[in-house]
Amino acid sequence: EGEHSLLIVVLHLSLSARAQDRQLRYVRNLVEHHPYVV
């Protein structure tokens, strides 16, 4: 729970570079302020 939690993000990214850029920006918004992420 809360800040004492671990976030694990399971991904299967697209093949194209443009789509990957968008997808990784999306994922970053989900996790960038959390201290423990996989």
All heavy atoms as atom14 arrays in JSON, in Angstrom:
{
  "sequence": "EGEHSLLIVVLHLSLSARAQDRQLRYVRNLVEHHPYVV",
  "atom14_mask": [
    [1, 1, 1, 1, 1, 1, 1, 1, 1, 0, 0, 0, 0, 0],
    [1, 1, 1, 1, 0, 0, 0, 0, 0, 0, 0, 0, 0, 0],
    [1, 1, 1, 1, 1, 1, 1, 1, 1, 0, 0, 0, 0, 0],
    [1, 1, 1, 1, 1, 1, 1, 1, 1, 1, 0, 0, 0, 0],
    [1, 1, 1, 1, 1, 1, 0, 0, 0, 0, 0, 0, 0, 0],
    [1, 1, 1, 1, 1, 1, 1, 1, 0, 0, 0, 0, 0, 0],
    [1, 1, 1, 1, 1, 1, 1, 1, 0, 0, 0, 0, 0, 0],
    [1, 1, 1, 1, 1, 1, 1, 1, 0, 0, 0, 0, 0, 0],
    [1, 1, 1, 1, 1, 1, 1, 0, 0, 0, 0, 0, 0, 0],
    [1, 1, 1, 1, 1, 1, 1, 0, 0, 0, 0, 0, 0, 0],
    [1, 1, 1, 1, 1, 1, 1, 1, 0, 0, 0, 0, 0, 0],
    [1, 1, 1, 1, 1, 1, 1, 1, 1, 1, 0, 0, 0, 0],
    [1, 1, 1, 1, 1, 1, 1, 1, 0, 0, 0, 0, 0, 0],
    [1, 1, 1, 1, 1, 1, 0, 0, 0, 0, 0, 0, 0, 0],
    [1, 1, 1, 1, 1, 1, 1, 1, 0, 0, 0, 0, 0, 0],
    [1, 1, 1, 1, 1, 1, 0, 0, 0, 0, 0, 0, 0, 0],
    [1, 1, 1, 1, 1, 0, 0, 0, 0, 0, 0, 0, 0, 0],
    [1, 1, 1, 1, 1, 1, 1, 1, 1, 1, 1, 0, 0, 0],
    [1, 1, 1, 1, 1, 0, 0, 0, 0, 0, 0, 0, 0, 0],
    [1, 1, 1, 1, 1, 1, 1, 1, 1, 0, 0, 0, 0, 0],
    [1, 1, 1, 1, 1, 1, 1, 1, 0, 0, 0, 0, 0, 0],
    [1, 1, 1, 1, 1, 1, 1, 1, 1, 1, 1, 0, 0, 0],
    [1, 1, 1, 1, 1, 1, 1, 1, 1, 0, 0, 0, 0, 0],
    [1, 1, 1, 1, 1, 1, 1, 1, 0, 0, 0, 0, 0, 0],
    [1, 1, 1, 1, 1, 1, 1, 1, 1, 1, 1, 0, 0, 0],
    [1, 1, 1, 1, 1, 1, 1, 1, 1, 1, 1, 1, 0, 0],
    [1, 1, 1, 1, 1, 1, 1, 0, 0, 0, 0, 0, 0, 0],
    [1, 1, 1, 1, 1, 1, 1, 1, 1, 1, 1, 0, 0, 0],
    [1, 1, 1, 1, 1, 1, 1, 1, 0, 0, 0, 0, 0, 0],
    [1, 1, 1, 1, 1, 1, 1, 1, 0, 0, 0, 0, 0, 0],
    [1, 1, 1, 1, 1, 1, 1, 0, 0, 0, 0, 0, 0, 0],
    [1, 1, 1, 1, 1, 1, 1, 1, 1, 0, 0, 0, 0, 0],
    [1, 1, 1, 1, 1, 1, 1, 1, 1, 1, 0, 0, 0, 0],
    [1, 1, 1, 1, 1, 1, 1, 1, 1, 1, 0, 0, 0, 0],
    [1, 1, 1, 1, 1, 1, 1, 0, 0, 0, 0, 0, 0, 0],
    [1, 1, 1, 1, 1, 1, 1, 1, 1, 1, 1, 1, 0, 0],
    [1, 1, 1, 1, 1, 1, 1, 0, 0, 0, 0, 0, 0, 0],
    [1, 1, 1, 1, 1, 1, 1, 0, 0, 0, 0, 0, 0, 0]
  ],
  "atom14_positions": [
    [[0.81, -1.2, 0.0], [0.0, 0.0, 0.0], [0.85, 1.26, 0.0], [1.94, 1.3, 0.57], [-0.91, 0.02, 1.24], [-1.88, -1.14, 1.33], [-2.77, -1.06, 2.54], [-2.71, -0.03, 3.25], [-3.51, -2.02, 2.81], [0.0, 0.0, 0.0], [0.0, 0.0, 0.0], [0.0, 0.0, 0.0], [0.0, 0.0, 0.0], [0.0, 0.0, 0.0]],
    [[0.33, 2.3, -0.64], [0.92, 3.63, -0.59], [2.36, 3.68, -1.05], [2.76, 2.99, -1.99], [0.0, 0.0, 0.0], [0.0, 0.0, 0.0], [0.0, 0.0, 0.0], [0.0, 0.0, 0.0], [0.0, 0.0, 0.0], [0.0, 0.0, 0.0], [0.0, 0.0, 0.0], [0.0, 0.0, 0.0], [0.0, 0.0, 0.0], [0.0, 0.0, 0.0]],
    [[3.17, 4.52, -0.36], [4.57, 4.67, -0.76], [5.39, 3.42, -0.42], [6.46, 3.21, -0.98], [5.18, 5.89, -0.07], [5.23, 5.79, 1.45], [5.84, 7.03, 2.06], [6.05, 8.02, 1.34], [6.13, 7.0, 3.26], [0.0, 0.0, 0.0], [0.0, 0.0, 0.0], [0.0, 0.0, 0.0], [0.0, 0.0, 0.0], [0.0, 0.0, 0.0]],
    [[4.87, 2.57, 0.47], [5.55, 1.32, 0.8], [4.97, 0.19, -0.04], [4.56, -0.85, 0.46], [5.42, 1.01, 2.29], [6.03, 2.05, 3.16], [7.34, 2.48, 3.01], [5.52, 2.77, 4.19], [7.6, 3.41, 3.91], [6.51, 3.61, 4.63], [0.0, 0.0, 0.0], [0.0, 0.0, 0.0], [0.0, 0.0, 0.0], [0.0, 0.0, 0.0]],
    [[4.94, 0.42, -1.34], [4.41, -0.57, -2.27], [5.35, -0.7, -3.46], [6.19, 0.17, -3.71], [3.0, -0.18, -2.75], [3.03, 1.02, -3.5], [0.0, 0.0, 0.0], [0.0, 0.0, 0.0], [0.0, 0.0, 0.0], [0.0, 0.0, 0.0], [0.0, 0.0, 0.0], [0.0, 0.0, 0.0], [0.0, 0.0, 0.0], [0.0, 0.0, 0.0]],
    [[5.19, -1.79, -4.16], [5.98, -2.06, -5.35], [5.05, -2.07, -6.56], [4.03, -2.77, -6.55], [6.67, -3.42, -5.21], [7.44, -3.95, -6.42], [8.62, -3.04, -6.76], [7.93, -5.38, -6.16], [0.0, 0.0, 0.0], [0.0, 0.0, 0.0], [0.0, 0.0, 0.0], [0.0, 0.0, 0.0], [0.0, 0.0, 0.0], [0.0, 0.0, 0.0]],
    [[5.38, -1.28, -7.57], [4.61, -1.28, -8.82], [5.34, -2.13, -9.85], [6.52, -1.91, -10.13], [4.46, 0.14, -9.36], [3.65, 1.15, -8.55], [3.52, 2.46, -9.31], [2.27, 0.6, -8.19], [0.0, 0.0, 0.0], [0.0, 0.0, 0.0], [0.0, 0.0, 0.0], [0.0, 0.0, 0.0], [0.0, 0.0, 0.0], [0.0, 0.0, 0.0]],
    [[4.64, -3.11, -10.39], [5.19, -3.95, -11.45], [4.36, -3.72, -12.7], [3.14, -3.92, -12.7], [5.16, -5.43, -11.05], [6.04, -5.64, -9.81], [5.63, -6.31, -12.2], [6.06, -7.04, -9.28], [0.0, 0.0, 0.0], [0.0, 0.0, 0.0], [0.0, 0.0, 0.0], [0.0, 0.0, 0.0], [0.0, 0.0, 0.0], [0.0, 0.0, 0.0]],
    [[5.03, -3.26, -13.76], [4.35, -2.92, -15.0], [4.72, -3.95, -16.06], [5.9, -4.11, -16.4], [4.73, -1.51, -15.49], [3.93, -1.14, -16.73], [4.52, -0.49, -14.38], [0.0, 0.0, 0.0], [0.0, 0.0, 0.0], [0.0, 0.0, 0.0], [0.0, 0.0, 0.0], [0.0, 0.0, 0.0], [0.0, 0.0, 0.0], [0.0, 0.0, 0.0]],
    [[3.71, -4.66, -16.57], [3.9, -5.67, -17.6], [3.56, -5.04, -18.95], [2.47, -4.51, -19.13], [3.01, -6.89, -17.32], [3.12, -7.91, -18.46], [3.37, -7.52, -15.99], [0.0, 0.0, 0.0], [0.0, 0.0, 0.0], [0.0, 0.0, 0.0], [0.0, 0.0, 0.0], [0.0, 0.0, 0.0], [0.0, 0.0, 0.0], [0.0, 0.0, 0.0]],
    [[4.51, -5.13, -19.89], [4.38, -4.44, -21.17], [4.56, -5.39, -22.35], [5.3, -6.37, -22.28], [5.46, -3.35, -21.29], [5.45, -2.21, -20.28], [6.75, -1.43, -20.39], [4.27, -1.32, -20.53], [0.0, 0.0, 0.0], [0.0, 0.0, 0.0], [0.0, 0.0, 0.0], [0.0, 0.0, 0.0], [0.0, 0.0, 0.0], [0.0, 0.0, 0.0]],
    [[3.89, -5.06, -23.44], [4.21, -5.62, -24.74], [4.09, -4.47, -25.73], [3.0, -4.11, -26.17], [3.26, -6.76, -25.12], [3.69, -7.5, -26.34], [2.92, -8.48, -26.93], [4.82, -7.42, -27.09], [3.54, -8.97, -27.97], [4.7, -8.33, -28.1], [0.0, 0.0, 0.0], [0.0, 0.0, 0.0], [0.0, 0.0, 0.0], [0.0, 0.0, 0.0]],
    [[5.23, -3.85, -26.05], [5.24, -2.63, -26.85], [5.06, -2.93, -28.33], [5.31, -4.04, -28.81], [6.55, -1.88, -26.64], [6.85, -1.38, -25.22], [8.18, -0.64, -25.2], [5.74, -0.5, -24.68], [0.0, 0.0, 0.0], [0.0, 0.0, 0.0], [0.0, 0.0, 0.0], [0.0, 0.0, 0.0], [0.0, 0.0, 0.0], [0.0, 0.0, 0.0]],
    [[4.64, -1.9, -29.06], [4.49, -2.0, -30.5], [5.83, -2.13, -31.19], [6.9, -1.93, -30.59], [3.76, -0.76, -31.03], [2.44, -0.71, -30.56], [0.0, 0.0, 0.0], [0.0, 0.0, 0.0], [0.0, 0.0, 0.0], [0.0, 0.0, 0.0], [0.0, 0.0, 0.0], [0.0, 0.0, 0.0], [0.0, 0.0, 0.0], [0.0, 0.0, 0.0]],
    [[5.79, -2.41, -32.49], [7.02, -2.55, -33.27], [7.56, -1.21, -33.74], [8.77, -1.02, -33.82], [6.76, -3.45, -34.48], [6.42, -4.92, -34.18], [5.97, -5.63, -35.45], [7.61, -5.63, -33.56], [0.0, 0.0, 0.0], [0.0, 0.0, 0.0], [0.0, 0.0, 0.0], [0.0, 0.0, 0.0], [0.0, 0.0, 0.0], [0.0, 0.0, 0.0]],
    [[6.7, -0.26, -34.04], [7.16, 1.0, -34.63], [7.75, 1.93, -33.57], [7.28, 1.97, -32.42], [6.02, 1.71, -35.35], [5.15, 2.34, -34.44], [0.0, 0.0, 0.0], [0.0, 0.0, 0.0], [0.0, 0.0, 0.0], [0.0, 0.0, 0.0], [0.0, 0.0, 0.0], [0.0, 0.0, 0.0], [0.0, 0.0, 0.0], [0.0, 0.0, 0.0]],
    [[8.76, 2.69, -33.97], [9.44, 3.61, -33.06], [8.49, 4.7, -32.58], [8.51, 5.08, -31.41], [10.66, 4.22, -33.75], [0.0, 0.0, 0.0], [0.0, 0.0, 0.0], [0.0, 0.0, 0.0], [0.0, 0.0, 0.0], [0.0, 0.0, 0.0], [0.0, 0.0, 0.0], [0.0, 0.0, 0.0], [0.0, 0.0, 0.0], [0.0, 0.0, 0.0]],
    [[7.65, 5.21, -33.48], [6.73, 6.29, -33.1], [5.73, 5.82, -32.05], [5.48, 6.51, -31.07], [5.99, 6.82, -34.34], [5.0, 7.92, -34.03], [4.37, 8.49, -35.29], [5.37, 9.14, -36.13], [5.07, 9.74, -37.28], [3.81, 9.76, -37.72], [6.01, 10.32, -37.99], [0.0, 0.0, 0.0], [0.0, 0.0, 0.0], [0.0, 0.0, 0.0]],
    [[5.17, 4.63, -32.26], [4.22, 4.09, -31.28], [4.91, 3.82, -29.95], [4.35, 4.1, -28.88], [3.6, 2.82, -31.82], [0.0, 0.0, 0.0], [0.0, 0.0, 0.0], [0.0, 0.0, 0.0], [0.0, 0.0, 0.0], [0.0, 0.0, 0.0], [0.0, 0.0, 0.0], [0.0, 0.0, 0.0], [0.0, 0.0, 0.0], [0.0, 0.0, 0.0]],
    [[6.12, 3.29, -29.99], [6.86, 3.03, -28.75], [7.1, 4.32, -27.97], [6.99, 4.33, -26.73], [8.19, 2.35, -29.05], [8.06, 0.89, -29.4], [9.41, 0.19, -29.46], [10.44, 0.78, -29.12], [9.41, -1.05, -29.88], [0.0, 0.0, 0.0], [0.0, 0.0, 0.0], [0.0, 0.0, 0.0], [0.0, 0.0, 0.0], [0.0, 0.0, 0.0]],
    [[7.43, 5.39, -28.66], [7.65, 6.68, -27.98], [6.39, 7.09, -27.22], [6.47, 7.5, -26.06], [8.02, 7.76, -29.0], [9.43, 7.57, -29.57], [10.22, 6.85, -28.94], [9.71, 8.13, -30.64], [0.0, 0.0, 0.0], [0.0, 0.0, 0.0], [0.0, 0.0, 0.0], [0.0, 0.0, 0.0], [0.0, 0.0, 0.0], [0.0, 0.0, 0.0]],
    [[5.25, 7.0, -27.86], [3.99, 7.36, -27.21], [3.67, 6.43, -26.04], [3.22, 6.88, -24.98], [2.85, 7.33, -28.24], [2.94, 8.38, -29.33], [1.78, 8.25, -30.29], [0.5, 8.45, -29.62], [-0.69, 8.13, -30.14], [-0.74, 7.57, -31.34], [-1.8, 8.35, -29.47], [0.0, 0.0, 0.0], [0.0, 0.0, 0.0], [0.0, 0.0, 0.0]],
    [[3.91, 5.17, -26.24], [3.59, 4.19, -25.2], [4.49, 4.36, -23.97], [4.02, 4.28, -22.83], [3.72, 2.78, -25.77], [2.61, 2.47, -26.78], [2.9, 1.27, -27.65], [3.93, 0.6, -27.51], [1.99, 0.98, -28.57], [0.0, 0.0, 0.0], [0.0, 0.0, 0.0], [0.0, 0.0, 0.0], [0.0, 0.0, 0.0], [0.0, 0.0, 0.0]],
    [[5.77, 4.64, -24.19], [6.68, 4.82, -23.06], [6.41, 6.13, -22.32], [6.55, 6.2, -21.1], [8.13, 4.77, -23.55], [8.61, 3.38, -23.98], [9.96, 3.46, -24.66], [8.66, 2.44, -22.78], [0.0, 0.0, 0.0], [0.0, 0.0, 0.0], [0.0, 0.0, 0.0], [0.0, 0.0, 0.0], [0.0, 0.0, 0.0], [0.0, 0.0, 0.0]],
    [[5.98, 7.16, -23.03], [5.57, 8.39, -22.35], [4.35, 8.13, -21.46], [4.27, 8.65, -20.34], [5.26, 9.5, -23.37], [6.49, 10.11, -24.01], [6.17, 11.45, -24.66], [5.17, 11.34, -25.7], [5.44, 11.12, -26.99], [6.7, 10.97, -27.38], [4.47, 11.04, -27.88], [0.0, 0.0, 0.0], [0.0, 0.0, 0.0], [0.0, 0.0, 0.0]],
    [[3.44, 7.34, -21.97], [2.25, 6.98, -21.19], [2.66, 6.23, -19.93], [2.18, 6.53, -18.82], [1.32, 6.13, -22.06], [0.02, 5.74, -21.4], [-1.14, 6.47, -21.63], [-0.05, 4.65, -20.55], [-2.34, 6.12, -21.02], [-1.25, 4.29, -19.93], [-2.38, 5.03, -20.18], [-3.57, 4.68, -19.57], [0.0, 0.0, 0.0], [0.0, 0.0, 0.0]],
    [[3.54, 5.25, -20.07], [3.98, 4.45, -18.92], [4.74, 5.31, -17.93], [4.56, 5.19, -16.71], [4.84, 3.26, -19.4], [5.49, 2.55, -18.21], [4.0, 2.28, -20.21], [0.0, 0.0, 0.0], [0.0, 0.0, 0.0], [0.0, 0.0, 0.0], [0.0, 0.0, 0.0], [0.0, 0.0, 0.0], [0.0, 0.0, 0.0], [0.0, 0.0, 0.0]],
    [[5.57, 6.22, -18.42], [6.32, 7.09, -17.51], [5.37, 7.9, -16.63], [5.61, 8.08, -15.42], [7.23, 8.03, -18.29], [8.05, 8.92, -17.36], [8.92, 9.91, -18.09], [9.7, 10.67, -17.12], [11.01, 10.8, -17.14], [11.72, 10.19, -18.09], [11.63, 11.5, -16.23], [0.0, 0.0, 0.0], [0.0, 0.0, 0.0], [0.0, 0.0, 0.0]],
    [[4.28, 8.39, -17.2], [3.32, 9.16, -16.41], [2.69, 8.32, -15.3], [2.25, 8.86, -14.28], [2.22, 9.73, -17.32], [2.72, 10.85, -18.21], [3.68, 11.54, -17.87], [2.07, 11.06, -19.33], [0.0, 0.0, 0.0], [0.0, 0.0, 0.0], [0.0, 0.0, 0.0], [0.0, 0.0, 0.0], [0.0, 0.0, 0.0], [0.0, 0.0, 0.0]],
    [[2.66, 7.01, -15.5], [2.07, 6.13, -14.48], [3.0, 5.9, -13.3], [2.54, 5.69, -12.17], [1.72, 4.77, -15.1], [0.66, 4.72, -16.19], [0.54, 3.3, -16.74], [-0.68, 5.21, -15.67], [0.0, 0.0, 0.0], [0.0, 0.0, 0.0], [0.0, 0.0, 0.0], [0.0, 0.0, 0.0], [0.0, 0.0, 0.0], [0.0, 0.0, 0.0]],
    [[4.33, 5.94, -13.55], [5.26, 5.42, -12.53], [6.33, 6.4, -12.06], [7.01, 6.12, -11.08], [5.96, 4.15, -13.05], [4.95, 3.1, -13.46], [6.91, 4.46, -14.21], [0.0, 0.0, 0.0], [0.0, 0.0, 0.0], [0.0, 0.0, 0.0], [0.0, 0.0, 0.0], [0.0, 0.0, 0.0], [0.0, 0.0, 0.0], [0.0, 0.0, 0.0]],
    [[6.51, 7.54, -12.72], [7.72, 8.32, -12.49], [7.85, 8.88, -11.08], [8.97, 9.21, -10.65], [7.83, 9.46, -13.51], [6.75, 10.51, -13.44], [6.99, 11.61, -14.46], [8.16, 11.87, -14.8], [6.0, 12.19, -14.94], [0.0, 0.0, 0.0], [0.0, 0.0, 0.0], [0.0, 0.0, 0.0], [0.0, 0.0, 0.0], [0.0, 0.0, 0.0]],
    [[6.77, 8.99, -10.33], [6.85, 9.54, -8.97], [6.82, 8.46, -7.9], [6.73, 8.77, -6.71], [5.72, 10.54, -8.74], [5.77, 11.71, -9.67], [6.85, 12.58, -9.73], [4.87, 12.15, -10.6], [6.61, 13.5, -10.65], [5.43, 13.26, -11.2], [0.0, 0.0, 0.0], [0.0, 0.0, 0.0], [0.0, 0.0, 0.0], [0.0, 0.0, 0.0]],
    [[6.91, 7.19, -8.32], [6.87, 6.11, -7.34], [8.3, 5.6, -7.1], [9.06, 5.41, -8.05], [5.98, 4.97, -7.85], [5.56, 4.03, -6.76], [4.51, 4.29, -5.92], [6.08, 2.85, -6.34], [4.38, 3.31, -5.05], [5.33, 2.41, -5.28], [0.0, 0.0, 0.0], [0.0, 0.0, 0.0], [0.0, 0.0, 0.0], [0.0, 0.0, 0.0]],
    [[8.68, 5.33, -5.84], [10.08, 4.96, -5.56], [10.46, 3.54, -5.96], [11.64, 3.28, -6.22], [10.18, 5.13, -4.04], [8.78, 4.97, -3.53], [7.9, 5.53, -4.61], [0.0, 0.0, 0.0], [0.0, 0.0, 0.0], [0.0, 0.0, 0.0], [0.0, 0.0, 0.0], [0.0, 0.0, 0.0], [0.0, 0.0, 0.0], [0.0, 0.0, 0.0]],
    [[9.5, 2.62, -6.03], [9.84, 1.22, -6.28], [9.03, 0.71, -7.47], [7.82, 0.48, -7.35], [9.56, 0.36, -5.05], [10.17, 0.91, -3.78], [9.36, 1.31, -2.71], [11.55, 1.03, -3.64], [9.92, 1.81, -1.55], [12.12, 1.53, -2.47], [11.3, 1.94, -1.43], [11.84, 2.44, -0.29], [0.0, 0.0, 0.0], [0.0, 0.0, 0.0]],
    [[9.72, 0.52, -8.6], [9.03, 0.16, -9.84], [9.84, -0.9, -10.58], [11.07, -0.86, -10.62], [8.85, 1.39, -10.76], [8.16, 0.99, -12.08], [8.05, 2.48, -10.07], [0.0, 0.0, 0.0], [0.0, 0.0, 0.0], [0.0, 0.0, 0.0], [0.0, 0.0, 0.0], [0.0, 0.0, 0.0], [0.0, 0.0, 0.0], [0.0, 0.0, 0.0]],
    [[9.12, -1.85, -11.19], [9.69, -2.82, -12.11], [8.96, -2.69, -13.45], [7.72, -2.71, -13.48], [9.54, -4.26, -11.6], [10.06, -5.26, -12.63], [10.24, -4.45, -10.27], [0.0, 0.0, 0.0], [0.0, 0.0, 0.0], [0.0, 0.0, 0.0], [0.0, 0.0, 0.0], [0.0, 0.0, 0.0], [0.0, 0.0, 0.0], [0.0, 0.0, 0.0]]
  ]
}
